[in-house]
Amino acid sequence: MKISTKFFTGSAISVGLVVAILIGNTVVVQQIKETVREKSYESTETIKTILEADNSLKSEIIALKDIVLFKKNTQELELFHTQFIASLNKLDKLLPNNAKISVIRRRHELLNQMSTQLTQQSSSPTYLADSQQYFRAINSFNRDIELFLDVLIKRAYKQRLLVEQDLENLHQVQKIISFVVVSVILILLIGKFILIWQPTIKSLEHLQLGTAEIAMGNFDYRLDINTGDEIEDLAQSFNHMAVKLAQARETLLKNTELTDMNQLLALEVSERKQAELELQQTLQELQHTQAQLIQTEKMSSLGQLVAGVAHEINNPINFIYGNITHASEYTHELLELVRLYQEEFPYVGEKIREQIENMDLEFLQEDLPKILDSMKMGSQRIQQIVLSLRNFSRLDEAEMKEVDIHDGIESTLLILQNRLKATPQHSQIEIVKEYGNLPLVECHAGQLNQVFMNIINNAIDAFIDSPTINNPQITIQTELMKHDRVVVRIADNGSGMSPQVQQKLFDPFFTTKPVGQGTGLGLSISYQIVVEKHSGILRCQSELGKGSEFWIEIPLFAKVESKMLHC
């Protein structure tokens, strides 16, 4: 049975009993009051009638004596006689079958006969002598009648006292009934508490204890509540929840064990795997670091990893870059020596001439210096990438220098010149320069060049991924704002980006390129360079189908401040 049903049933029974008692009390009290009222009325009327009869009798006796003594008219006597008879008749109705009233009536009739005889003998010579005898008889009858009236009046007064006693008893009964009602109400409340509220409170206490046990990790705790109401349903739901939690804990423990085993297995595989290429091994380490970043949300290991990559790449690149300079010098000397040989010995043997024609010596003399310059430029580019990686890992603490921003942009465009040319996949990309008059800017020039490289390179990738765009164009604008801030805006008319992509644009390892074509570090490093290293602002405004614009804003002079990212 539901708690609400128990409550309403108990309340209905309580109210019904109280109402029944009150109604019964009201009916009984009303009946008793009515009976007492009737008895009180009868007693009052009886006393009043007896007093009226007594007064009429006395008046009748006095009138009779006046007739005898003063020979007055009998009319007054008849009036009092009539009043007495009327009172006696009324008294007979109030006290039916009362023998004393019959006696009084007979005595009064004798008195009436005697008064008639006195009236008739008023002219007799012995009237006075006989009248005295009659007076004594009249007084005797009067005393008898009054005696019986006194008996009746005492009886009426006694009856009145009984009526008052009944009224007092009625008040006592009302008090008893009120006490009974209050007692019943208290008993019902106590019964309701014992039968309904006490089990409910105990069940809630058990439920609270069970909740505390579950909170402490005791998922084997179960509730045993059999109240047949909502609390029992809640206890069953609680037990079901405890079972599910225990199953979930077991599943979690199993998953944790599997995860640990997978990690151990991955670690063993990683330890046993032989190194292939240095750059490929570095990429695998970066991917492994990415997984650790997602799981542990710590960035410290990323800096160490990138620093190690930069160090490992920097050593062979320094070796290559240092030797390219010497190789270029040696090549120029050898080519100069060949030229001198051709001048001193213009006529050579047949074999030498055939070899010169086979190897196309003129083209070699022209192309070899270009190849060496290209190799030198490529090694410089790799050095810049290594420097950017070191900047991302915060290991580069080089001082800022005053440089020309436009030179950095031009050097970046020079490196990317080959990617701007037309190919079968896309049209030639036009570069529009709108340079302002900028003073020298105090900054990390190499880092800013990396920012320009990343943004322009991404714009070129966007055009390659969307070959249907007509007249691809990259616009570079520079200006001085408020005399102390330099702004570089790089915009393209490519396909643009969605708001979802813009929200994650500067997150580490976020990329929209296919697997193997992008690391997702370019714009993240650029953001670190602009915002953290230069206390500047890097933001992006883009709309699908309308291209993108990157806003780079840095102070003219070095400041120690940080700006929020706007995108």
Protein backbone atom coordinates (compact mmCIF):
# COMPACT_ATOMS: atom_id res chain seq x y z
CA MET A 1 0.00 0.00 0.00
CA LYS A 2 1.33 3.43 -0.89
CA ILE A 3 2.29 5.92 1.80
CA SER A 4 -0.29 8.37 0.50
CA THR A 5 -2.99 5.64 0.66
CA LYS A 6 -1.98 4.78 4.21
CA PHE A 7 -2.00 8.41 5.17
CA PHE A 8 -5.39 9.18 3.62
CA THR A 9 -6.92 5.93 4.95
CA GLY A 10 -5.69 6.63 8.48
CA SER A 11 -6.81 10.24 8.25
CA ALA A 12 -10.23 9.19 6.90
CA ILE A 13 -10.69 6.68 9.73
CA SER A 14 -9.59 9.24 12.31
CA VAL A 15 -11.84 11.94 10.95
CA GLY A 16 -14.73 9.45 10.61
CA LEU A 17 -14.43 8.31 14.23
CA VAL A 18 -14.15 11.87 15.52
CA VAL A 19 -17.10 13.00 13.42
CA ALA A 20 -19.18 9.98 14.52
CA ILE A 21 -18.39 10.67 18.17
CA LEU A 22 -19.19 14.35 17.77
CA ILE A 23 -22.44 13.65 15.93
CA GLY A 24 -23.45 11.04 18.51
CA ASN A 25 -22.54 13.44 21.28
CA THR A 26 -24.59 16.19 19.65
CA VAL A 27 -27.65 13.94 19.15
CA VAL A 28 -27.55 12.58 22.72
CA VAL A 29 -26.97 15.97 24.26
CA GLN A 30 -29.77 17.50 22.22
CA GLN A 31 -32.18 14.75 23.29
CA ILE A 32 -31.20 15.11 26.94
CA LYS A 33 -31.47 18.87 26.70
CA GLU A 34 -34.89 18.57 25.15
CA THR A 35 -36.04 16.19 27.90
CA VAL A 36 -34.60 18.40 30.63
CA ARG A 37 -36.12 21.45 29.02
CA GLU A 38 -39.53 19.78 28.96
CA LYS A 39 -39.19 18.63 32.56
CA SER A 40 -38.03 22.08 33.63
CA TYR A 41 -40.97 23.67 31.83
CA GLU A 42 -43.41 21.23 33.44
CA SER A 43 -41.94 21.85 36.90
CA THR A 44 -42.11 25.60 36.44
CA GLU A 45 -45.66 25.45 35.13
CA THR A 46 -46.67 23.08 37.96
CA ILE A 47 -45.27 25.41 40.62
CA LYS A 48 -46.89 28.39 38.93
CA THR A 49 -50.26 26.61 38.66
CA ILE A 50 -50.13 25.41 42.28
CA LEU A 51 -49.37 28.96 43.43
CA GLU A 52 -52.23 30.29 41.29
CA ALA A 53 -54.58 27.64 42.75
CA ASP A 54 -53.44 28.50 46.26
CA ASN A 55 -54.04 32.21 45.64
CA SER A 56 -57.45 31.51 44.11
CA LEU A 57 -58.37 29.30 47.08
CA LYS A 58 -57.36 31.95 49.56
CA SER A 59 -59.22 34.62 47.63
CA GLU A 60 -62.28 32.32 47.48
CA ILE A 61 -62.17 31.73 51.30
CA ILE A 62 -61.84 35.46 51.93
CA ALA A 63 -64.74 36.21 49.57
CA LEU A 64 -66.87 33.53 51.30
CA LYS A 65 -66.17 35.05 54.70
CA ASP A 66 -67.06 38.50 53.39
CA ILE A 67 -70.39 37.16 52.13
CA VAL A 68 -71.16 35.61 55.51
CA LEU A 69 -70.11 38.59 57.56
CA PHE A 70 -70.99 41.48 55.31
CA LYS A 71 -73.57 39.83 53.05
CA LYS A 72 -71.73 40.88 49.90
CA ASN A 73 -72.56 39.85 46.39
CA THR A 74 -71.59 36.24 45.46
CA GLN A 75 -70.27 37.27 42.06
CA GLU A 76 -66.69 37.70 43.29
CA LEU A 77 -66.89 34.31 45.02
CA GLU A 78 -67.92 32.66 41.79
CA LEU A 79 -65.00 34.31 39.95
CA PHE A 80 -62.45 32.99 42.45
CA HIS A 81 -64.18 29.61 42.40
CA THR A 82 -63.88 29.50 38.61
CA GLN A 83 -60.15 30.51 38.75
CA PHE A 84 -59.42 27.78 41.30
CA ILE A 85 -61.20 25.15 39.19
CA ALA A 86 -59.28 26.33 36.09
CA SER A 87 -55.96 26.10 37.96
CA LEU A 88 -56.96 22.69 39.28
CA ASN A 89 -57.82 21.48 35.77
CA LYS A 90 -54.50 22.77 34.47
CA LEU A 91 -52.73 21.11 37.35
CA ASP A 92 -54.52 17.88 36.55
CA LYS A 93 -53.11 18.04 33.01
CA LEU A 94 -49.59 18.73 34.29
CA LEU A 95 -49.87 15.95 36.89
CA PRO A 96 -52.18 13.36 35.38
CA ASN A 97 -53.53 10.50 37.54
CA ASN A 98 -52.44 12.25 40.71
CA ALA A 99 -54.59 11.06 43.69
CA LYS A 100 -53.98 14.22 45.71
CA ILE A 101 -55.54 16.38 43.01
CA SER A 102 -58.65 14.22 43.16
CA VAL A 103 -58.75 14.64 46.94
CA ILE A 104 -58.32 18.41 46.59
CA ARG A 105 -61.10 18.45 44.00
CA ARG A 106 -63.49 16.54 46.36
CA ARG A 107 -62.66 18.76 49.31
CA HIS A 108 -63.20 21.83 47.19
CA GLU A 109 -66.60 20.53 46.08
CA LEU A 110 -67.55 20.05 49.76
CA LEU A 111 -66.32 23.55 50.45
CA ASN A 112 -68.42 24.81 47.56
CA GLN A 113 -71.51 23.02 48.87
CA MET A 114 -70.92 24.53 52.27
CA SER A 115 -70.65 28.03 50.80
CA THR A 116 -73.94 27.46 48.96
CA GLN A 117 -75.69 26.43 52.16
CA LEU A 118 -74.34 29.51 53.96
CA THR A 119 -75.62 31.74 51.24
CA GLN A 120 -79.08 30.16 51.31
CA GLN A 121 -79.33 30.40 55.15
CA SER A 122 -78.32 34.03 55.36
CA SER A 123 -81.95 35.01 56.40
CA SER A 124 -82.26 32.32 59.12
CA PRO A 125 -82.42 33.46 62.84
CA THR A 126 -79.68 30.96 63.70
CA TYR A 127 -77.50 32.12 60.88
CA LEU A 128 -74.77 33.67 63.00
CA ALA A 129 -74.59 30.69 65.36
CA ASP A 130 -74.47 28.29 62.44
CA SER A 131 -71.98 30.44 60.52
CA GLN A 132 -69.34 30.01 63.20
CA GLN A 133 -69.63 26.30 62.89
CA TYR A 134 -69.38 26.65 59.13
CA PHE A 135 -66.32 28.87 59.47
CA ARG A 136 -64.57 26.20 61.41
CA ALA A 137 -65.46 23.67 58.73
CA ILE A 138 -64.31 26.07 55.97
CA ASN A 139 -61.01 26.65 57.73
CA SER A 140 -60.61 22.93 58.14
CA PHE A 141 -61.28 22.34 54.43
CA ASN A 142 -58.92 25.20 53.57
CA ARG A 143 -56.15 23.74 55.68
CA ASP A 144 -56.62 20.33 54.08
CA ILE A 145 -56.56 21.77 50.60
CA GLU A 146 -53.49 23.93 51.37
CA LEU A 147 -51.81 20.93 52.92
CA PHE A 148 -52.31 18.93 49.73
CA LEU A 149 -51.17 21.93 47.65
CA ASP A 150 -48.06 22.20 49.79
CA VAL A 151 -47.37 18.55 49.15
CA LEU A 152 -47.77 19.13 45.42
CA ILE A 153 -45.56 22.22 45.42
CA LYS A 154 -42.85 20.43 47.40
CA ARG A 155 -43.04 17.64 44.88
CA ALA A 156 -42.74 20.20 42.05
CA TYR A 157 -39.71 21.80 43.71
CA LYS A 158 -38.17 18.40 44.21
CA GLN A 159 -38.76 17.64 40.55
CA ARG A 160 -37.11 20.96 39.66
CA LEU A 161 -34.07 20.02 41.71
CA LEU A 162 -33.95 16.74 39.81
CA VAL A 163 -34.07 18.69 36.56
CA GLU A 164 -31.16 20.87 37.70
CA GLN A 165 -29.31 17.71 38.69
CA ASP A 166 -29.96 16.35 35.22
CA LEU A 167 -28.53 19.54 33.75
CA GLU A 168 -25.43 19.14 35.89
CA ASN A 169 -25.15 15.53 34.78
CA LEU A 170 -25.53 16.68 31.18
CA HIS A 171 -22.57 19.04 31.58
CA GLN A 172 -20.56 16.20 33.08
CA VAL A 173 -21.49 13.97 30.15
CA GLN A 174 -20.35 16.67 27.73
CA LYS A 175 -17.03 16.95 29.53
CA ILE A 176 -16.62 13.18 29.45
CA ILE A 177 -17.46 13.05 25.75
CA SER A 178 -14.99 15.88 25.04
CA PHE A 179 -12.34 14.00 26.98
CA VAL A 180 -13.19 10.84 25.04
CA VAL A 181 -12.92 12.72 21.72
CA VAL A 182 -9.52 14.15 22.66
CA SER A 183 -8.40 10.71 23.86
CA VAL A 184 -9.55 9.10 20.62
CA ILE A 185 -7.72 11.72 18.58
CA LEU A 186 -4.52 11.17 20.57
CA ILE A 187 -4.88 7.40 20.27
CA LEU A 188 -5.42 7.71 16.52
CA LEU A 189 -2.37 9.99 16.18
CA ILE A 190 -0.25 7.59 18.22
CA GLY A 191 -1.58 4.66 16.20
CA LYS A 192 -0.88 6.49 12.94
CA PHE A 193 2.68 7.24 14.10
CA ILE A 194 3.27 3.63 15.15
CA LEU A 195 1.66 2.07 12.09
CA ILE A 196 2.67 4.56 9.37
CA TRP A 197 5.31 7.14 10.31
CA GLN A 198 7.56 5.03 12.54
CA PRO A 199 8.11 2.33 9.84
CA THR A 200 8.59 5.07 7.26
CA ILE A 201 11.19 6.87 9.41
CA LYS A 202 13.04 3.62 10.13
CA SER A 203 12.99 2.73 6.43
CA LEU A 204 14.40 6.17 5.55
CA GLU A 205 17.13 5.70 8.16
CA HIS A 206 18.01 2.33 6.60
CA LEU A 207 18.04 3.99 3.18
CA GLN A 208 20.33 6.75 4.46
CA LEU A 209 22.67 4.15 5.96
CA GLY A 210 22.69 2.26 2.66
CA THR A 211 23.54 5.44 0.77
CA ALA A 212 26.46 6.07 3.13
CA GLU A 213 27.69 2.49 2.61
CA ILE A 214 27.54 2.88 -1.17
CA ALA A 215 29.37 6.23 -0.90
CA MET A 216 32.15 4.46 1.06
CA GLY A 217 32.48 1.87 -1.72
CA ASN A 218 30.54 -1.01 -0.17
CA PHE A 219 28.63 -2.01 -3.31
CA ASP A 220 27.63 -5.36 -1.73
CA TYR A 221 25.34 -3.63 0.79
CA ARG A 222 21.62 -4.42 0.31
CA LEU A 223 18.45 -3.03 1.90
CA ASP A 224 15.76 -5.32 3.38
CA ILE A 225 12.64 -3.16 3.56
CA ASN A 226 9.18 -4.71 3.29
CA THR A 227 6.73 -1.87 3.87
CA GLY A 228 4.63 -2.47 0.77
CA ASP A 229 4.82 1.20 -0.26
CA GLU A 230 6.99 3.58 -2.26
CA ILE A 231 9.89 3.19 0.18
CA GLU A 232 10.00 -0.53 -0.59
CA ASP A 233 10.06 0.35 -4.32
CA LEU A 234 12.85 2.84 -3.59
CA ALA A 235 14.77 0.16 -1.64
CA GLN A 236 14.41 -2.25 -4.57
CA SER A 237 15.67 0.47 -6.93
CA PHE A 238 18.53 1.11 -4.50
CA ASN A 239 19.46 -2.59 -4.51
CA HIS A 240 19.25 -2.65 -8.30
CA MET A 241 21.50 0.42 -8.44
CA ALA A 242 23.99 -1.27 -6.06
CA VAL A 243 24.08 -4.34 -8.32
CA LYS A 244 24.69 -2.15 -11.38
CA LEU A 245 27.40 -0.20 -9.56
CA ALA A 246 29.10 -3.43 -8.51
CA GLN A 247 28.97 -4.67 -12.09
CA ALA A 248 30.28 -1.33 -13.34
CA ARG A 249 33.13 -1.48 -10.82
CA GLU A 250 34.06 -4.96 -11.96
CA THR A 251 33.91 -3.85 -15.59
CA LEU A 252 36.03 -0.78 -14.78
CA LEU A 253 38.60 -2.92 -12.99
CA LYS A 254 38.72 -5.30 -15.94
CA ASN A 255 39.05 -2.38 -18.37
CA THR A 256 41.79 -0.88 -16.21
CA GLU A 257 43.65 -4.17 -16.20
CA LEU A 258 43.24 -4.44 -19.96
CA THR A 259 44.43 -0.86 -20.37
CA ASP A 260 47.48 -1.55 -18.22
CA MET A 261 48.19 -4.71 -20.17
CA ASN A 262 47.81 -2.82 -23.45
CA GLN A 263 50.16 -0.12 -22.25
CA LEU A 264 52.70 -2.70 -21.12
CA LEU A 265 52.35 -4.51 -24.44
CA ALA A 266 52.73 -1.26 -26.37
CA LEU A 267 55.80 -0.40 -24.30
CA GLU A 268 57.34 -3.82 -24.99
CA VAL A 269 56.61 -3.51 -28.72
CA SER A 270 58.05 0.00 -28.73
CA GLU A 271 61.21 -1.19 -26.93
CA ARG A 272 61.74 -4.16 -29.27
CA LYS A 273 61.04 -2.28 -32.47
CA GLN A 274 64.19 -1.38 -34.38
CA ALA A 275 64.79 2.14 -35.51
CA GLU A 276 64.26 2.71 -39.23
CA LEU A 277 64.68 6.30 -40.28
CA GLU A 278 65.47 9.04 -37.79
CA LEU A 279 62.64 11.29 -38.94
CA GLN A 280 60.13 8.39 -38.92
CA GLN A 281 61.15 7.41 -35.38
CA THR A 282 60.70 11.03 -34.30
CA LEU A 283 57.21 11.08 -35.81
CA GLN A 284 56.30 7.91 -33.90
CA GLU A 285 57.54 9.48 -30.68
CA LEU A 286 55.43 12.57 -31.39
CA GLN A 287 52.37 10.41 -31.97
CA HIS A 288 53.05 8.51 -28.75
CA THR A 289 53.44 11.83 -26.94
CA GLN A 290 50.12 12.97 -28.41
CA ALA A 291 48.36 9.93 -26.92
CA GLN A 292 49.95 10.68 -23.53
CA LEU A 293 48.87 14.32 -23.82
CA ILE A 294 45.23 13.35 -24.41
CA GLN A 295 45.25 10.88 -21.51
CA THR A 296 47.24 12.85 -18.88
CA GLU A 297 46.55 16.45 -20.08
CA LYS A 298 50.12 17.46 -19.32
CA MET A 299 52.26 19.51 -21.62
CA SER A 300 55.63 19.01 -19.92
CA SER A 301 56.47 15.78 -21.79
CA LEU A 302 55.67 17.47 -25.11
CA GLY A 303 58.38 20.10 -24.57
CA GLN A 304 60.98 17.45 -23.75
CA LEU A 305 60.00 15.40 -26.80
CA VAL A 306 60.17 18.36 -29.21
CA ALA A 307 63.49 19.45 -27.69
CA GLY A 308 64.88 15.97 -28.31
CA VAL A 309 63.63 16.00 -31.90
CA ALA A 310 65.18 19.41 -32.52
CA HIS A 311 68.47 18.27 -31.05
CA GLU A 312 68.55 15.05 -33.09
CA ILE A 313 67.72 16.85 -36.34
CA ASN A 314 70.00 19.81 -35.62
CA ASN A 315 73.22 17.72 -35.41
CA PRO A 316 73.14 16.21 -38.94
CA ILE A 317 71.77 19.47 -40.42
CA ASN A 318 74.65 21.49 -38.92
CA PHE A 319 77.02 18.95 -40.44
CA ILE A 320 75.35 19.22 -43.87
CA TYR A 321 75.07 23.04 -43.73
CA GLY A 322 78.72 23.42 -42.68
CA ASN A 323 79.96 21.15 -45.45
CA ILE A 324 77.78 22.75 -48.14
CA THR A 325 79.75 25.98 -47.74
CA HIS A 326 83.04 24.19 -48.28
CA ALA A 327 81.57 22.09 -51.09
CA SER A 328 80.40 25.28 -52.79
CA GLU A 329 83.85 26.84 -52.50
CA TYR A 330 85.53 23.67 -53.78
CA THR A 331 83.08 23.48 -56.67
CA HIS A 332 83.74 27.09 -57.67
CA GLU A 333 87.47 26.41 -57.57
CA LEU A 334 87.16 23.25 -59.66
CA LEU A 335 84.92 24.99 -62.17
CA GLU A 336 87.42 27.85 -62.31
CA LEU A 337 90.19 25.32 -62.84
CA VAL A 338 88.23 23.69 -65.69
CA ARG A 339 87.72 27.14 -67.24
CA LEU A 340 91.44 27.84 -67.04
CA TYR A 341 92.19 24.47 -68.60
CA GLN A 342 89.82 25.31 -71.46
CA GLU A 343 91.56 28.67 -71.97
CA GLU A 344 95.08 27.25 -71.79
CA PHE A 345 94.31 24.09 -73.73
CA PRO A 346 91.47 24.89 -76.13
CA TYR A 347 92.34 21.88 -78.24
CA VAL A 348 91.83 18.64 -76.39
CA GLY A 349 91.85 15.03 -77.33
CA GLU A 350 88.95 13.18 -78.88
CA LYS A 351 88.07 11.26 -75.72
CA ILE A 352 87.97 14.42 -73.59
CA ARG A 353 85.76 16.19 -76.15
CA GLU A 354 83.36 13.23 -76.24
CA GLN A 355 83.21 13.18 -72.46
CA ILE A 356 82.52 16.94 -72.40
CA GLU A 357 79.67 16.49 -74.84
CA ASN A 358 78.26 13.49 -72.99
CA MET A 359 78.25 15.22 -69.63
CA ASP A 360 77.10 18.57 -71.07
CA LEU A 361 79.85 20.48 -69.32
CA GLU A 362 78.36 23.90 -70.01
CA PHE A 363 75.04 22.98 -68.39
CA LEU A 364 76.90 21.37 -65.48
CA GLN A 365 78.97 24.52 -64.96
CA GLU A 366 75.79 26.58 -64.92
CA ASP A 367 73.54 24.22 -62.90
CA LEU A 368 75.94 22.89 -60.25
CA PRO A 369 76.25 26.22 -58.36
CA LYS A 370 72.47 26.52 -58.44
CA ILE A 371 72.12 23.01 -56.98
CA LEU A 372 74.54 23.84 -54.18
CA ASP A 373 72.69 27.11 -53.47
CA SER A 374 69.39 25.22 -53.38
CA MET A 375 70.89 22.65 -50.98
CA LYS A 376 72.16 25.47 -48.81
CA MET A 377 68.76 27.14 -48.84
CA GLY A 378 67.08 23.82 -47.94
CA SER A 379 69.47 23.25 -45.03
CA GLN A 380 68.72 26.80 -43.83
CA ARG A 381 65.00 25.97 -43.99
CA ILE A 382 65.54 22.84 -41.91
CA GLN A 383 67.52 24.92 -39.41
CA GLN A 384 64.58 27.34 -39.17
CA ILE A 385 62.22 24.39 -38.54
CA VAL A 386 64.53 23.12 -35.82
CA LEU A 387 64.63 26.61 -34.32
CA SER A 388 60.83 26.76 -34.36
CA LEU A 389 60.63 23.39 -32.64
CA ARG A 390 63.04 24.63 -29.99
CA ASN A 391 60.97 27.79 -29.58
CA PHE A 392 57.84 25.68 -29.14
CA SER A 393 59.60 23.72 -26.41
CA ARG A 394 60.67 27.06 -24.76
CA LEU A 395 64.34 26.21 -24.94
CA ASP A 396 65.23 29.22 -27.06
CA GLU A 397 65.92 32.23 -24.87
CA ALA A 398 67.61 34.42 -27.47
CA GLU A 399 67.33 38.17 -26.99
CA MET A 400 65.08 40.28 -29.21
CA LYS A 401 66.61 42.39 -31.95
CA GLU A 402 65.40 45.27 -34.08
CA VAL A 403 64.67 43.96 -37.59
CA ASP A 404 62.75 44.88 -40.72
CA ILE A 405 59.52 42.85 -40.82
CA HIS A 406 59.36 43.20 -44.60
CA ASP A 407 62.70 41.39 -45.00
CA GLY A 408 61.34 38.43 -43.06
CA ILE A 409 58.23 38.31 -45.23
CA GLU A 410 60.29 38.50 -48.42
CA SER A 411 62.63 35.71 -47.29
CA THR A 412 59.61 33.55 -46.49
CA LEU A 413 58.10 34.19 -49.92
CA LEU A 414 61.44 33.36 -51.49
CA ILE A 415 61.52 29.96 -49.79
CA LEU A 416 57.93 29.26 -50.86
CA GLN A 417 58.40 30.61 -54.39
CA ASN A 418 58.38 27.14 -55.93
CA ARG A 419 54.99 26.33 -54.33
CA LEU A 420 53.46 29.52 -55.76
CA LYS A 421 54.04 28.47 -59.35
CA ALA A 422 51.29 26.97 -61.51
CA THR A 423 51.01 23.20 -61.56
CA PRO A 424 48.60 20.77 -63.25
CA GLN A 425 46.65 20.71 -59.96
CA HIS A 426 46.21 24.47 -59.48
CA SER A 427 46.75 27.84 -61.10
CA GLN A 428 49.59 30.17 -60.21
CA ILE A 429 49.07 31.82 -56.84
CA GLU A 430 49.37 35.60 -56.98
CA ILE A 431 50.98 37.47 -54.07
CA VAL A 432 49.64 41.00 -53.47
CA LYS A 433 51.84 43.13 -51.22
CA GLU A 434 50.46 46.23 -49.53
CA TYR A 435 53.31 47.23 -47.25
CA GLY A 436 53.08 50.23 -44.96
CA ASN A 437 55.91 52.42 -43.76
CA LEU A 438 57.18 50.44 -40.77
CA PRO A 439 60.11 51.24 -38.49
CA LEU A 440 62.41 48.55 -37.17
CA VAL A 441 60.54 46.17 -34.83
CA GLU A 442 62.08 44.69 -31.69
CA CYS A 443 61.27 40.97 -31.98
CA HIS A 444 62.50 37.43 -32.50
CA ALA A 445 62.94 37.61 -36.27
CA GLY A 446 63.38 33.89 -36.87
CA GLN A 447 60.26 33.06 -34.90
CA LEU A 448 58.16 35.63 -36.75
CA ASN A 449 59.45 34.28 -40.04
CA GLN A 450 58.20 30.87 -38.93
CA VAL A 451 54.76 32.40 -38.24
CA PHE A 452 54.67 33.91 -41.72
CA MET A 453 55.83 30.59 -43.17
CA ASN A 454 53.10 28.59 -41.39
CA ILE A 455 50.25 30.94 -42.33
CA ILE A 456 51.28 31.41 -45.97
CA ASN A 457 52.01 27.70 -46.33
CA ASN A 458 48.52 26.86 -45.02
CA ALA A 459 46.98 29.28 -47.51
CA ILE A 460 48.88 27.55 -50.36
CA ASP A 461 47.67 24.14 -49.08
CA ALA A 462 44.09 25.46 -49.07
CA PHE A 463 44.40 26.44 -52.75
CA ILE A 464 45.89 23.03 -53.62
CA ASP A 465 43.01 21.27 -51.80
CA SER A 466 40.48 23.44 -53.71
CA PRO A 467 41.76 23.55 -57.31
CA THR A 468 38.46 24.95 -58.62
CA ILE A 469 39.15 28.41 -57.18
CA ASN A 470 39.79 30.93 -59.96
CA ASN A 471 42.62 33.44 -59.65
CA PRO A 472 44.01 32.29 -56.28
CA GLN A 473 45.46 35.23 -54.43
CA ILE A 474 47.26 35.88 -51.15
CA THR A 475 47.25 39.46 -49.87
CA ILE A 476 49.84 40.64 -47.33
CA GLN A 477 49.23 44.01 -45.63
CA THR A 478 51.36 45.75 -43.01
CA GLU A 479 50.66 48.93 -41.04
CA LEU A 480 51.59 50.82 -37.89
CA MET A 481 48.75 51.30 -35.38
CA LYS A 482 48.72 53.85 -32.56
CA HIS A 483 52.45 54.49 -33.13
CA ASP A 484 53.42 51.49 -30.98
CA ARG A 485 51.79 48.42 -32.56
CA VAL A 486 52.64 46.64 -35.80
CA VAL A 487 49.92 44.73 -37.66
CA VAL A 488 50.48 42.13 -40.38
CA ARG A 489 47.38 40.79 -42.14
CA ILE A 490 47.63 37.75 -44.42
CA ALA A 491 44.42 37.01 -46.34
CA ASP A 492 43.45 34.54 -49.05
CA ASN A 493 40.41 34.08 -51.27
CA GLY A 494 40.24 30.32 -50.67
CA SER A 495 37.42 28.12 -49.44
CA GLY A 496 37.43 29.42 -45.85
CA MET A 497 36.81 27.54 -42.60
CA SER A 498 33.78 26.51 -40.57
CA PRO A 499 33.22 27.89 -37.02
CA GLN A 500 33.99 24.44 -35.58
CA VAL A 501 37.41 24.41 -37.25
CA GLN A 502 38.14 27.98 -36.15
CA GLN A 503 37.49 27.06 -32.51
CA LYS A 504 40.26 24.41 -32.60
CA LEU A 505 42.54 26.21 -35.05
CA PHE A 506 45.35 26.94 -32.58
CA ASP A 507 45.10 23.68 -30.58
CA PRO A 508 48.24 21.50 -30.66
CA PHE A 509 48.04 18.57 -33.12
CA PHE A 510 44.78 19.80 -34.65
CA THR A 511 44.85 19.52 -38.43
CA THR A 512 42.33 19.16 -41.26
CA LYS A 513 44.90 17.57 -43.58
CA PRO A 514 45.00 13.83 -44.30
CA VAL A 515 47.09 11.55 -42.12
CA GLY A 516 50.77 11.95 -42.88
CA GLN A 517 50.43 15.41 -44.45
CA GLY A 518 50.21 17.58 -41.35
CA THR A 519 51.33 17.52 -37.70
CA GLY A 520 48.93 20.16 -36.41
CA LEU A 521 51.79 22.10 -34.76
CA GLY A 522 52.23 25.00 -37.22
CA LEU A 523 49.52 27.35 -36.01
CA SER A 524 49.96 26.25 -32.38
CA ILE A 525 53.62 27.24 -32.54
CA SER A 526 52.65 30.47 -34.30
CA TYR A 527 50.21 31.31 -31.55
CA GLN A 528 52.87 30.70 -28.91
CA ILE A 529 55.34 32.89 -30.78
CA VAL A 530 52.96 35.83 -31.26
CA VAL A 531 51.00 35.78 -27.99
CA GLU A 532 53.48 34.41 -25.46
CA LYS A 533 56.85 35.43 -26.90
CA HIS A 534 55.84 38.85 -28.24
CA SER A 535 52.83 39.73 -26.03
CA GLY A 536 50.80 40.19 -29.18
CA ILE A 537 47.52 39.08 -30.72
CA LEU A 538 46.92 36.31 -33.24
CA ARG A 539 43.39 35.84 -34.49
CA CYS A 540 41.59 34.50 -37.50
CA GLN A 541 38.49 35.66 -39.35
CA SER A 542 37.06 33.20 -41.85
CA GLU A 543 33.82 32.29 -43.59
CA LEU A 544 33.08 29.28 -45.73
CA GLY A 545 33.37 30.14 -49.40
CA LYS A 546 34.87 33.62 -48.74
CA GLY A 547 38.43 32.91 -47.63
CA SER A 548 40.35 33.55 -44.43
CA GLU A 549 42.38 36.38 -42.88
CA PHE A 550 44.99 36.07 -40.13
CA TRP A 551 45.65 39.13 -37.98
CA ILE A 552 49.13 39.33 -36.43
CA GLU A 553 49.61 42.22 -34.02
CA ILE A 554 52.75 42.77 -31.91
CA PRO A 555 54.13 45.76 -29.98
CA LEU A 556 56.82 47.87 -31.62
CA PHE A 557 59.02 47.44 -28.56
CA ALA A 558 59.32 44.39 -26.34
CA LYS A 559 56.77 44.28 -23.49
CA VAL A 560 56.08 41.78 -20.73
CA GLU A 561 52.35 41.20 -21.13
CA SER A 562 50.03 38.57 -22.48
CA LYS A 563 47.02 38.88 -24.70
CA MET A 564 43.98 36.70 -25.12
CA LEU A 565 43.39 34.78 -28.34
CA HIS A 566 40.63 36.08 -30.63
CA CYS A 567 39.31 33.90 -33.37
